[in-house]
C-alpha atoms as a PDB file:
ATOM      1  CA  MET A   1    -156.400-129.842-129.801  1.00  0.00           C
ATOM      2  CA  ASN A   2    -155.029-126.307-129.544  1.00  0.00           C
ATOM      3  CA  ALA A   3    -156.742-125.735-126.200  1.00  0.00           C
ATOM      4  CA  SER A   4    -155.194-128.819-124.704  1.00  0.00           C
ATOM      5  CA  ALA A   5    -151.631-128.122-125.936  1.00  0.00           C
ATOM      6  CA  PRO A   6    -149.119-127.401-123.103  1.00  0.00           C
ATOM      7  CA  ALA A   7    -147.559-123.948-122.726  1.00  0.00           C
ATOM      8  CA  LEU A   8    -144.125-123.403-124.288  1.00  0.00           C
ATOM      9  CA  LEU A   9    -141.001-122.852-122.187  1.00  0.00           C
ATOM     10  CA  PHE A  10    -139.786-119.889-124.227  1.00  0.00           C
ATOM     11  CA  LYS A  11    -141.717-116.940-125.557  1.00  0.00           C
ATOM     12  CA  TRP A  12    -141.193-116.656-129.273  1.00  0.00           C
ATOM     13  CA  GLU A  13    -142.617-113.161-129.626  1.00  0.00           C
ATOM     14  CA  ALA A  14    -141.148-110.568-131.992  1.00  0.00           C
ATOM     15  CA  PRO A  15    -138.304-108.485-130.496  1.00  0.00           C
ATOM     16  CA  ARG A  16    -139.148-105.014-129.282  1.00  0.00           C
ATOM     17  CA  ARG A  17    -137.780-101.959-130.952  1.00  0.00           C
ATOM     18  CA  ARG A  18    -134.698-100.457-129.390  1.00  0.00           C
ATOM     19  CA  SER A  19    -135.346 -97.387-127.355  1.00  0.00           C
ATOM     20  CA  LEU A  20    -133.753 -94.128-128.410  1.00  0.00           C
ATOM     21  CA  ALA A  21    -133.088 -93.082-124.803  1.00  0.00           C
ATOM     22  CA  LEU A  22    -129.492 -94.416-124.727  1.00  0.00           C
ATOM     23  CA  ILE A  23    -128.649 -92.598-127.919  1.00  0.00           C
ATOM     24  CA  GLY A  24    -130.166 -89.439-126.523  1.00  0.00           C
ATOM     25  CA  PHE A  25    -128.086 -89.645-123.336  1.00  0.00           C
ATOM     26  CA  LEU A  26    -124.890 -90.155-125.283  1.00  0.00           C
ATOM     27  CA  GLY A  27    -125.625 -87.190-127.510  1.00  0.00           C
ATOM     28  CA  THR A  28    -126.424 -84.974-124.533  1.00  0.00           C
ATOM     29  CA  SER A  29    -123.153 -85.969-122.811  1.00  0.00           C
ATOM     30  CA  PHE A  30    -121.134 -85.168-125.936  1.00  0.00           C
ATOM     31  CA  VAL A  31    -122.748 -81.742-126.284  1.00  0.00           C
ATOM     32  CA  ALA A  32    -122.086 -81.002-122.581  1.00  0.00           C
ATOM     33  CA  HIS A  33    -118.394 -81.920-122.915  1.00  0.00           C
ATOM     34  CA  VAL A  34    -117.994 -79.724-125.969  1.00  0.00           C
ATOM     35  CA  PHE A  35    -119.625 -76.815-124.163  1.00  0.00           C
ATOM     36  CA  GLY A  36    -117.448 -77.266-121.091  1.00  0.00           C
ATOM     37  CA  PHE A  37    -114.254 -77.460-123.153  1.00  0.00           C
ATOM     38  CA  TYR A  38    -115.205 -74.272-125.005  1.00  0.00           C
ATOM     39  CA  PHE A  39    -116.202 -72.452-121.812  1.00  0.00           C
ATOM     40  CA  PHE A  40    -113.045 -73.252-119.776  1.00  0.00           C
ATOM     41  CA  GLN A  41    -110.501 -73.116-122.593  1.00  0.00           C
ATOM     42  CA  VAL A  42    -111.730 -70.202-124.686  1.00  0.00           C
ATOM     43  CA  VAL A  43    -113.712 -67.925-122.401  1.00  0.00           C
ATOM     44  CA  TYR A  44    -111.360 -68.049-119.424  1.00  0.00           C
ATOM     45  CA  PRO A  45    -107.757 -66.901-120.063  1.00  0.00           C
ATOM     46  CA  THR A  46    -104.928 -69.349-119.541  1.00  0.00           C
ATOM     47  CA  THR A  47    -103.133 -69.311-116.186  1.00  0.00           C
ATOM     48  CA  VAL A  48     -99.652 -67.773-116.268  1.00  0.00           C
ATOM     49  CA  SER A  49     -97.135 -69.323-113.838  1.00  0.00           C
ATOM     50  CA  LEU A  50     -94.223 -67.173-112.696  1.00  0.00           C
ATOM     51  CA  ILE A  51     -90.902 -68.976-112.363  1.00  0.00           C
ATOM     52  CA  PRO A  52     -88.873 -67.887-109.293  1.00  0.00           C
ATOM     53  CA  ALA A  53     -85.855 -65.771-110.044  1.00  0.00           C
ATOM     54  CA  PRO A  54     -82.575 -67.701-110.138  1.00  0.00           C
ATOM     55  CA  GLN A  55     -80.312 -67.320-107.109  1.00  0.00           C
ATOM     56  CA  ARG A  56     -77.309 -65.085-107.509  1.00  0.00           C
ATOM     57  CA  VAL A  57     -73.968 -65.140-105.716  1.00  0.00           C
ATOM     58  CA  ASN A  58     -71.914 -61.954-105.517  1.00  0.00           C
ATOM     59  CA  PHE A  59     -68.125 -62.104-105.046  1.00  0.00           C
ATOM     60  CA  ILE A  60     -66.208 -59.241-103.525  1.00  0.00           C
ATOM     61  CA  SER A  61     -63.193 -58.609-105.681  1.00  0.00           C
ATOM     62  CA  ALA A  62     -60.442 -56.064-105.263  1.00  0.00           C
ATOM     63  CA  LYS A  63     -60.515 -55.287-108.975  1.00  0.00           C
ATOM     64  CA  SER A  64     -63.394 -52.838-108.575  1.00  0.00           C
ATOM     65  CA  GLU A  65     -63.131 -49.661-106.542  1.00  0.00           C
ATOM     66  CA  GLU A  66     -66.127 -50.506-104.359  1.00  0.00           C
ATOM     67  CA  GLY A  67     -64.818 -54.012-103.612  1.00  0.00           C
ATOM     68  CA  ALA A  68     -61.341 -52.709-102.707  1.00  0.00           C
ATOM     69  CA  ALA A  69     -62.826 -50.104-100.346  1.00  0.00           C
ATOM     70  CA  LEU A  70     -65.019 -52.750 -98.673  1.00  0.00           C
ATOM     71  CA  LEU A  71     -62.063 -55.123 -98.178  1.00  0.00           C
ATOM     72  CA  ARG A  72     -59.945 -52.313 -96.664  1.00  0.00           C
ATOM     73  CA  TRP A  73     -62.756 -51.471 -94.236  1.00  0.00           C
ATOM     74  CA  ILE A  74     -63.140 -55.141 -93.182  1.00  0.00           C
ATOM     75  CA  GLU A  75     -59.393 -55.433 -92.573  1.00  0.00           C
ATOM     76  CA  ALA A  76     -59.325 -52.237 -90.506  1.00  0.00           C
ATOM     77  CA  GLU A  77     -62.291 -53.256 -88.342  1.00  0.00           C
ATOM     78  CA  ASP A  78     -61.179 -56.867 -87.718  1.00  0.00           C
ATOM     79  CA  PRO A  79     -60.783 -57.286 -83.894  1.00  0.00           C
ATOM     80  CA  ALA A  80     -58.530 -60.328 -84.330  1.00  0.00           C
ATOM     81  CA  LEU A  81     -55.922 -58.310 -86.223  1.00  0.00           C
ATOM     82  CA  ALA A  82     -56.114 -55.449 -83.754  1.00  0.00           C
ATOM     83  CA  SER A  83     -55.376 -57.740 -80.766  1.00  0.00           C
ATOM     84  CA  THR A  84     -52.464 -59.674 -82.329  1.00  0.00           C
ATOM     85  CA  THR A  85     -48.788 -58.749 -81.979  1.00  0.00           C
ATOM     86  CA  ARG A  86     -47.088 -58.195 -85.272  1.00  0.00           C
ATOM     87  CA  ARG A  87     -43.425 -58.376 -85.928  1.00  0.00           C
ATOM     88  CA  PRO A  88     -41.714 -55.394 -87.455  1.00  0.00           C
ATOM     89  CA  ALA A  89     -41.372 -55.482 -91.200  1.00  0.00           C
ATOM     90  CA  GLU A  90     -37.565 -55.529 -91.042  1.00  0.00           C
ATOM     91  CA  ALA A  91     -37.476 -58.652 -88.843  1.00  0.00           C
ATOM     92  CA  LYS A  92     -36.841 -61.719 -90.972  1.00  0.00           C
ATOM     93  CA  ARG A  93     -36.699 -64.386 -88.242  1.00  0.00           C
ATOM     94  CA  TYR A  94     -37.517 -64.876 -84.623  1.00  0.00           C
ATOM     95  CA  LEU A  95     -34.682 -63.831 -82.316  1.00  0.00           C
ATOM     96  CA  LEU A  96     -34.382 -65.505 -78.923  1.00  0.00           C
ATOM     97  CA  GLY A  97     -32.849 -63.696 -76.011  1.00  0.00           C
ATOM     98  CA  LYS A  98     -29.612 -64.846 -74.450  1.00  0.00           C
ATOM     99  CA  ILE A  99     -30.541 -66.908 -71.379  1.00  0.00           C
ATOM    100  CA  GLU A 100     -27.878 -68.344 -69.101  1.00  0.00           C
ATOM    101  CA  HIS A 101     -28.522 -71.807 -67.683  1.00  0.00           C
ATOM    102  CA  VAL A 102     -28.297 -71.946 -63.891  1.00  0.00           C
ATOM    103  CA  PRO A 103     -28.167 -75.520 -62.467  1.00  0.00           C
ATOM    104  CA  SER A 104     -30.289 -76.271 -59.421  1.00  0.00           C
ATOM    105  CA  TYR A 105     -27.443 -77.776 -57.365  1.00  0.00           C
ATOM    106  CA  SER A 106     -25.543 -74.493 -57.452  1.00  0.00           C
ATOM    107  CA  GLU A 107     -28.223 -72.800 -55.360  1.00  0.00           C
ATOM    108  CA  SER A 108     -29.065 -75.579 -52.833  1.00  0.00           C
ATOM    109  CA  GLU A 109     -26.862 -78.520 -51.912  1.00  0.00           C
ATOM    110  CA  PRO A 110     -28.718 -81.832 -52.294  1.00  0.00           C
ATOM    111  CA  MET A 111     -28.977 -84.279 -49.402  1.00  0.00           C
ATOM    112  CA  LEU A 112     -26.808 -87.321 -50.093  1.00  0.00           C
ATOM    113  CA  LYS A 113     -27.789 -90.782 -48.912  1.00  0.00           C
ATOM    114  CA  GLU A 114     -25.482 -92.906 -46.801  1.00  0.00           C
ATOM    115  CA  ALA A 115     -23.573 -95.568 -48.659  1.00  0.00           C
ATOM    116  CA  PRO A 116     -24.434 -99.187 -47.851  1.00  0.00           C
ATOM    117  CA  PRO A 117     -21.977-101.102 -45.658  1.00  0.00           C
ATOM    118  CA  LEU A 118     -19.185-103.002 -47.365  1.00  0.00           C
ATOM    119  CA  THR A 119     -19.998-106.246 -45.495  1.00  0.00           C
ATOM    120  CA  VAL A 120     -23.565-107.379 -46.196  1.00  0.00           C
ATOM    121  CA  ASP A 121     -25.372-109.858 -43.875  1.00  0.00           C
ATOM    122  CA  LEU A 122     -26.804-112.525 -46.187  1.00  0.00           C
ATOM    123  CA  ARG A 123     -28.556-114.559 -43.468  1.00  0.00           C
ATOM    124  CA  VAL A 124     -32.273-115.128 -43.700  1.00  0.00           C
ATOM    125  CA  PRO A 125     -34.061-113.001 -41.096  1.00  0.00           C
ATOM    126  CA  SER A 126     -35.959-114.873 -38.365  1.00  0.00           C
ATOM    127  CA  ALA A 127     -39.739-115.050 -38.584  1.00  0.00           C
ATOM    128  CA  ARG A 128     -39.973-114.683 -34.787  1.00  0.00           C
ATOM    129  CA  PRO A 129     -37.310-112.250 -33.608  1.00  0.00           C
ATOM    130  CA  PRO A 130     -36.739-112.169 -29.816  1.00  0.00           C
ATOM    131  CA  GLY A 131     -38.611-109.422 -28.043  1.00  0.00           C
ATOM    132  CA  PRO A 132     -41.261-108.669 -25.447  1.00  0.00           C
ATOM    133  CA  VAL A 133     -44.676-110.202 -26.025  1.00  0.00           C
ATOM    134  CA  PRO A 134     -47.340-107.485 -26.283  1.00  0.00           C
ATOM    135  CA  LEU A 135     -50.090-107.870 -23.722  1.00  0.00           C
ATOM    136  CA  ARG A 136     -53.548-106.755 -24.724  1.00  0.00           C
ATOM    137  CA  ARG A 137     -55.723-105.941 -21.801  1.00  0.00           C
ATOM    138  CA  PRO A 138     -59.475-106.031 -22.386  1.00  0.00           C
ATOM    139  CA  ALA A 139     -61.196-102.709 -22.173  1.00  0.00           C
ATOM    140  CA  LYS A 140     -63.151-102.124 -19.020  1.00  0.00           C
ATOM    141  CA  PRO A 141     -66.896-102.109 -19.591  1.00  0.00           C
ATOM    142  CA  ALA A 142     -68.602 -98.839 -18.948  1.00  0.00           C
ATOM    143  CA  ALA A 143     -70.257 -98.622 -15.591  1.00  0.00           C
ATOM    144  CA  ILE A 144     -74.020 -98.858 -15.686  1.00  0.00           C
ATOM    145  CA  GLY A 145     -75.585 -95.901 -13.969  1.00  0.00           C
ATOM    146  CA  PRO A 146     -78.745 -95.974 -11.932  1.00  0.00           C
ATOM    147  CA  VAL A 147     -81.842 -96.732 -13.993  1.00  0.00           C
ATOM    148  CA  PRO A 148     -84.979 -95.631 -12.118  1.00  0.00           C
ATOM    149  CA  THR A 149     -88.246 -97.488 -12.283  1.00  0.00           C
ATOM    150  CA  ARG A 150     -90.691 -95.764 -14.615  1.00  0.00           C
ATOM    151  CA  VAL A 151     -94.411 -95.988 -15.298  1.00  0.00           C
ATOM    152  CA  ALA A 152     -95.737 -96.003 -18.854  1.00  0.00           C
ATOM    153  CA  PHE A 153     -99.404 -95.120 -19.403  1.00  0.00           C
ATOM    154  CA  SER A 154    -101.618 -95.848 -22.405  1.00  0.00           C
ATOM    155  CA  VAL A 155    -102.781 -93.128 -24.787  1.00  0.00           C
ATOM    156  CA  GLU A 156    -106.096 -92.604 -22.965  1.00  0.00           C
ATOM    157  CA  VAL A 157    -104.334 -91.811 -19.684  1.00  0.00           C
ATOM    158  CA  GLN A 158    -101.524 -89.792 -21.279  1.00  0.00           C
ATOM    159  CA  SER A 159    -104.103 -87.322 -22.593  1.00  0.00           C
ATOM    160  CA  LEU A 160    -104.908 -86.321 -18.980  1.00  0.00           C
ATOM    161  CA  GLY A 161    -101.477 -84.731 -18.472  1.00  0.00           C
ATOM    162  CA  GLN A 162     -98.275 -85.391 -16.537  1.00  0.00           C
ATOM    163  CA  ALA A 163     -98.702 -87.572 -13.456  1.00  0.00           C
ATOM    164  CA  THR A 164     -97.101 -86.718 -10.101  1.00  0.00           C
ATOM    165  CA  PHE A 165     -95.652 -89.649  -8.118  1.00  0.00           C
ATOM    166  CA  ALA A 166     -94.750 -89.980  -4.475  1.00  0.00           C
ATOM    167  CA  PRO A 167     -91.208 -91.055  -3.468  1.00  0.00           C
ATOM    168  CA  SER A 168     -90.873 -94.817  -3.873  1.00  0.00           C
ATOM    169  CA  ASN A 169     -88.679 -97.443  -2.222  1.00  0.00           C
ATOM    170  CA  PHE A 170     -89.303-100.794  -3.863  1.00  0.00           C
ATOM    171  CA  LYS A 171     -88.039-103.924  -2.095  1.00  0.00           C
ATOM    172  CA  ALA A 172     -88.208-107.326  -3.753  1.00  0.00           C
ATOM    173  CA  SER A 173     -88.793-110.489  -1.732  1.00  0.00           C
ATOM    174  CA  THR A 174     -86.798-112.658  -4.183  1.00  0.00           C
ATOM    175  CA  LYS A 175     -83.499-112.384  -5.989  1.00  0.00           C
ATOM    176  CA  GLU A 176     -85.104-113.069  -9.362  1.00  0.00           C
ATOM    177  CA  LEU A 177     -85.207-110.286 -11.936  1.00  0.00           C
ATOM    178  CA  PRO A 178     -88.777-108.889 -11.863  1.00  0.00           C
ATOM    179  CA  GLN A 179     -90.784-108.651 -15.051  1.00  0.00           C
ATOM    180  CA  ASN A 180     -92.859-105.673 -16.151  1.00  0.00           C
ATOM    181  CA  ALA A 181     -96.163-105.463 -14.308  1.00  0.00           C
ATOM    182  CA  ARG A 182     -99.363-104.208 -15.980  1.00  0.00           C
ATOM    183  CA  PHE A 183    -102.433-102.759 -14.230  1.00  0.00           C
ATOM    184  CA  ARG A 184    -105.869-101.686 -15.400  1.00  0.00           C
ATOM    185  CA  ILE A 185    -106.558 -98.262 -13.854  1.00  0.00           C
ATOM    186  CA  ALA A 186    -109.433 -95.764 -13.773  1.00  0.00           C
ATOM    187  CA  VAL A 187    -108.843 -92.018 -13.186  1.00  0.00           C
ATOM    188  CA  ASP A 188    -111.610 -89.737 -11.874  1.00  0.00           C
ATOM    189  CA  PRO A 189    -111.982 -86.014 -12.756  1.00  0.00           C
ATOM    190  CA  ARG A 190    -109.973 -85.027  -9.641  1.00  0.00           C
ATOM    191  CA  GLY A 191    -106.923 -86.875 -11.029  1.00  0.00           C
ATOM    192  CA  ALA A 192    -106.928 -89.734  -8.514  1.00  0.00           C
ATOM    193  CA  ILE A 193    -106.792 -93.406  -9.456  1.00  0.00           C
ATOM    194  CA  VAL A 194    -109.906 -94.993  -7.935  1.00  0.00           C
ATOM    195  CA  TYR A 195    -109.580 -98.471  -9.499  1.00  0.00           C
ATOM    196  CA  CYS A 196    -106.400-100.478 -10.022  1.00  0.00           C
ATOM    197  CA  PHE A 197    -106.606-104.110 -11.153  1.00  0.00           C
ATOM    198  CA  PRO A 198    -103.503-106.258 -11.838  1.00  0.00           C
ATOM    199  CA  LEU A 199    -103.242-107.742 -15.331  1.00  0.00           C
ATOM    200  CA  ASP A 200     -99.661-109.100 -15.538  1.00  0.00           C
ATOM    201  CA  SER A 201     -97.605-109.924 -12.460  1.00  0.00           C
ATOM    202  CA  SER A 202     -93.904-109.183 -12.015  1.00  0.00           C
ATOM    203  CA  GLY A 203     -93.309-112.607 -10.436  1.00  0.00           C
ATOM    204  CA  ASP A 204     -93.140-111.188  -6.921  1.00  0.00           C
ATOM    205  CA  THR A 205     -96.374-110.721  -4.958  1.00  0.00           C
ATOM    206  CA  ALA A 206     -94.870-108.197  -2.530  1.00  0.00           C
ATOM    207  CA  LEU A 207     -93.452-106.153  -5.400  1.00  0.00           C
ATOM    208  CA  ASP A 208     -96.831-106.178  -7.166  1.00  0.00           C
ATOM    209  CA  GLU A 209     -98.508-104.745  -4.062  1.00  0.00           C
ATOM    210  CA  GLN A 210     -95.873-102.013  -3.794  1.00  0.00           C
ATOM    211  CA  ALA A 211     -96.408-101.149  -7.438  1.00  0.00           C
ATOM    212  CA  ARG A 212    -100.164-100.942  -6.930  1.00  0.00           C
ATOM    213  CA  GLN A 213     -99.703 -98.601  -3.942  1.00  0.00           C
ATOM    214  CA  HIS A 214     -97.324 -96.491  -6.011  1.00  0.00           C
ATOM    215  CA  LEU A 215     -99.967 -96.092  -8.724  1.00  0.00           C
ATOM    216  CA  VAL A 216    -102.774 -95.333  -6.271  1.00  0.00           C
ATOM    217  CA  LEU A 217    -100.755 -92.511  -4.665  1.00  0.00           C
ATOM    218  CA  CYS A 218    -100.000 -90.752  -7.963  1.00  0.00           C
ATOM    219  CA  ARG A 219    -102.122 -87.798  -9.081  1.00  0.00           C
ATOM    220  CA  PHE A 220    -103.087 -86.367 -12.469  1.00  0.00           C
ATOM    221  CA  PRO A 221    -104.200 -82.785 -13.188  1.00  0.00           C
ATOM    222  CA  ALA A 222    -107.868 -82.272 -12.316  1.00  0.00           C
ATOM    223  CA  ARG A 223    -110.311 -81.836 -15.171  1.00  0.00           C
ATOM    224  CA  ALA A 224    -113.689 -80.083 -15.313  1.00  0.00           C
ATOM    225  CA  ILE A 225    -117.018 -81.958 -15.122  1.00  0.00           C
ATOM    226  CA  PRO A 226    -119.681 -81.057 -17.723  1.00  0.00           C
ATOM    227  CA  SER A 227    -121.972 -78.309 -16.377  1.00  0.00           C
ATOM    228  CA  GLY A 228    -125.130 -80.096 -17.526  1.00  0.00           C
ATOM    229  CA  VAL A 229    -124.611 -82.950 -15.052  1.00  0.00           C
ATOM    230  CA  GLU A 230    -126.212 -82.189 -11.648  1.00  0.00           C
ATOM    231  CA  GLY A 231    -127.367 -84.051  -8.586  1.00  0.00           C
ATOM    232  CA  PRO A 232    -126.015 -87.461  -7.703  1.00  0.00           C
ATOM    233  CA  TYR A 233    -124.730 -87.926 -11.257  1.00  0.00           C
ATOM    234  CA  ARG A 234    -122.217 -85.110 -10.656  1.00  0.00           C
ATOM    235  CA  SER A 235    -120.228 -87.395  -8.386  1.00  0.00           C
ATOM    236  CA  THR A 236    -116.593 -87.838  -9.423  1.00  0.00           C
ATOM    237  CA  SER A 237    -116.875 -91.599  -9.017  1.00  0.00           C
ATOM    238  CA  ASN A 238    -119.549 -91.849 -11.680  1.00  0.00           C
ATOM    239  CA  ALA A 239    -118.630 -94.377 -14.369  1.00  0.00           C
ATOM    240  CA  GLU A 240    -119.230 -91.837 -17.114  1.00  0.00           C
ATOM    241  CA  ASN A 241    -116.588 -89.499 -15.611  1.00  0.00           C
ATOM    242  CA  LEU A 242    -113.846 -92.145 -15.290  1.00  0.00           C
ATOM    243  CA  VAL A 243    -111.028 -92.575 -17.794  1.00  0.00           C
ATOM    244  CA  TRP A 244    -109.815 -96.158 -18.122  1.00  0.00           C
ATOM    245  CA  GLY A 245    -106.343 -97.097 -19.319  1.00  0.00           C
ATOM    246  CA  ILE A 246    -103.330 -99.365 -18.876  1.00  0.00           C
ATOM    247  CA  ALA A 247    -100.317 -98.620 -16.629  1.00  0.00           C
ATOM    248  CA  THR A 248     -97.092-100.590 -17.147  1.00  0.00           C
ATOM    249  CA  ILE A 249     -94.395-100.687 -14.442  1.00  0.00           C
ATOM    250  CA  GLU A 250     -90.946-100.950 -16.059  1.00  0.00           C
ATOM    251  CA  TRP A 251     -88.521-101.943 -13.319  1.00  0.00           C
ATOM    252  CA  GLY A 252     -85.066-100.393 -13.077  1.00  0.00           C
ATOM    253  CA  ASN A 253     -82.004-101.240 -11.004  1.00  0.00           C
ATOM    254  CA  ASP A 254     -83.254 -99.214  -8.025  1.00  0.00           C
ATOM    255  CA  VAL A 255     -85.241-102.194  -6.697  1.00  0.00           C
ATOM    256  CA  ALA A 256     -83.641-103.293  -3.408  1.00  0.00           C
ATOM    257  CA  THR A 257     -83.485-106.919  -2.308  1.00  0.00           C
ATOM    258  CA  ALA A 258     -84.423-107.975   1.211  1.00  0.00           C
ATOM    259  CA  SER A 259     -81.414-109.080   3.310  1.00  0.00           C
ATOM    260  CA  ASN A 260     -83.148-112.143   4.792  1.00  0.00           C
ATOM    261  CA  VAL A 261     -83.892-113.675   1.386  1.00  0.00           C
ATOM    262  CA  LYS A 262     -82.006-116.907   0.728  1.00  0.00           C
ATOM    263  CA  PRO A 263     -80.724-117.501  -2.793  1.00  0.00           C
ATOM    264  CA  SER A 264     -82.600-120.179  -4.695  1.00  0.00           C
ATOM    265  CA  PRO A 265     -80.647-123.425  -5.123  1.00  0.00           C
ATOM    266  CA  SER A 266     -79.096-123.894  -8.519  1.00  0.00           C
ATOM    267  CA  ALA A 267     -80.402-126.592 -10.805  1.00  0.00           C
ATOM    268  CA  PRO A 268     -78.396-129.841 -10.852  1.00  0.00           C
END
């Protein structure tokens, strides 16, 4: 029957004896505290703290000989007293000098105004008094001087230098105001324009042809050809030696109009 009995939930064994380790630690701690108190309170002397001296204020009094001498020296060396004006000891009040009043009208006679008339006109003044009407003439516009026709080149062509143009005499075949004409040009190393293609027309075919001839006749400063190029490739018309750019003809008022041109009929 005992072998088949189930195990108990709690162990009902006898309690163990208390260990003396806790009591030993407490005793050791007490002995260490007593030793530390004795070592730091008895062996080492107590720290003495010095209290700062109280502040003192000294008054200079004329009762002592040293104070009186110091006050006399300060009064003698005071720059404010040396620069002030003191009255004499016998003067008891401020005395003003005798000044005679001179009126201003005794020296210069004032300008008197005219008295108003005895009879006053009480009528209301007219808003439009009779008188000449001012005439304002318009200013004459400034005369426009001659504006010559100029040629503007692109940056690629401007780097070649200043161009030299032949005398020009442009004649338009119509009375319409021409627009700016643009050409695609190519400049060879000798400074001559070898290719000139129209891009934008001025509206007048004859004027476009004159502009093209004007560009072809202009010359730029000659430039050197690379020394490494020889033979047929040294030709100035080689594509590698050409500088391409844009030339714009900006027309001025120096463009003459043909005499046999009939004015275009006005729109109804």
